[in-house]
Amino acid sequence: VMQAEARTTRHLAALRTLEALRAHAADTGTLPESLEEITVVPVPNNPATGLPFEYRRDGDGAELLDYGFAKYSWNHYQIRLAQ
């Protein structure tokens, strides 16, 4: 049960980070180079590690990696801006 709660908390923080990316893109017209550039809303850290989520800019899109306590427990999110 505790692991399920931790996964849910981590998942919600990742979704909040994705929404922060979308808000930044709506405000500036582009995705940030790093999560630190986002100032329009707070960006949560990964609750499993206490560190920022792993984020990589990739051309007109980006990816967010959501690692849990173990590398086998992760989610991969991609975000692309519409043309």
Protein backbone atom coordinates (compact mmCIF):
# COMPACT_ATOMS: atom_id res chain seq x y z
CA VAL A 1 0.00 0.00 0.00
CA MET A 2 2.83 2.39 0.81
CA GLN A 3 4.46 1.73 -2.57
CA ALA A 4 1.17 2.43 -4.33
CA GLU A 5 0.87 5.72 -2.44
CA ALA A 6 4.45 6.65 -3.40
CA ARG A 7 3.79 5.82 -7.08
CA THR A 8 0.62 7.94 -7.06
CA THR A 9 2.39 10.89 -5.42
CA ARG A 10 5.24 10.62 -7.94
CA HIS A 11 2.80 10.36 -10.86
CA LEU A 12 0.87 13.45 -9.73
CA ALA A 13 4.10 15.44 -9.37
CA ALA A 14 5.11 14.38 -12.90
CA LEU A 15 1.73 15.51 -14.25
CA ARG A 16 2.12 18.85 -12.45
CA THR A 17 5.54 19.20 -14.10
CA LEU A 18 4.03 18.46 -17.51
CA GLU A 19 1.37 21.11 -16.92
CA ALA A 20 4.12 23.55 -15.89
CA LEU A 21 5.85 22.82 -19.22
CA ARG A 22 2.59 23.50 -21.06
CA ALA A 23 2.03 26.74 -19.14
CA HIS A 24 5.58 27.88 -19.91
CA ALA A 25 5.07 27.10 -23.61
CA ALA A 26 1.76 28.98 -23.63
CA ASP A 27 3.45 31.97 -21.99
CA THR A 28 6.65 32.04 -24.08
CA GLY A 29 5.81 30.12 -27.25
CA THR A 30 8.52 27.55 -26.68
CA LEU A 31 9.51 24.77 -24.31
CA PRO A 32 12.23 25.60 -21.80
CA GLU A 33 15.79 24.31 -22.10
CA SER A 34 15.60 23.25 -18.43
CA LEU A 35 12.96 23.00 -15.72
CA GLU A 36 14.67 25.86 -13.86
CA GLU A 37 13.55 28.26 -16.60
CA ILE A 38 9.88 27.78 -15.69
CA THR A 39 8.71 30.71 -13.59
CA VAL A 40 5.01 30.94 -14.46
CA VAL A 41 4.06 28.19 -11.95
CA PRO A 42 5.95 26.15 -9.33
CA VAL A 43 7.63 22.98 -10.60
CA PRO A 44 7.64 20.10 -8.09
CA ASN A 45 10.61 17.83 -7.50
CA ASN A 46 10.38 14.08 -7.86
CA PRO A 47 9.06 13.01 -4.44
CA ALA A 48 10.92 9.68 -4.69
CA THR A 49 14.32 11.36 -4.94
CA GLY A 50 13.77 14.91 -3.74
CA LEU A 51 15.50 16.09 -6.93
CA PRO A 52 14.05 17.64 -10.08
CA PHE A 53 12.64 15.24 -12.64
CA GLU A 54 15.00 14.35 -15.47
CA TYR A 55 14.09 16.58 -18.42
CA ARG A 56 15.56 16.72 -21.92
CA ARG A 57 14.72 19.18 -24.67
CA ASP A 58 14.58 17.54 -28.09
CA GLY A 59 14.04 19.93 -31.01
CA ASP A 60 10.39 21.04 -30.96
CA GLY A 61 9.60 18.66 -28.11
CA ALA A 62 10.89 17.37 -24.84
CA GLU A 63 10.81 14.31 -22.64
CA LEU A 64 10.37 13.94 -18.92
CA LEU A 65 11.63 10.84 -17.12
CA ASP A 66 9.94 9.89 -13.88
CA TYR A 67 12.22 7.52 -11.98
CA GLY A 68 11.08 5.93 -8.78
CA PHE A 69 13.26 4.37 -6.13
CA ALA A 70 14.43 1.77 -8.64
CA LYS A 71 15.33 2.29 -12.30
CA TYR A 72 12.81 -0.39 -13.32
CA SER A 73 10.01 1.71 -11.85
CA TRP A 74 9.73 4.66 -14.20
CA ASN A 75 7.53 6.50 -16.67
CA HIS A 76 8.55 8.31 -19.82
CA TYR A 77 6.51 11.31 -21.00
CA GLN A 78 6.91 13.15 -24.31
CA ILE A 79 5.56 16.59 -25.07
CA ARG A 80 5.52 18.25 -28.50
CA LEU A 81 4.29 21.66 -29.46
CA ALA A 82 1.57 21.80 -32.09
CA GLN A 83 2.53 23.55 -35.29
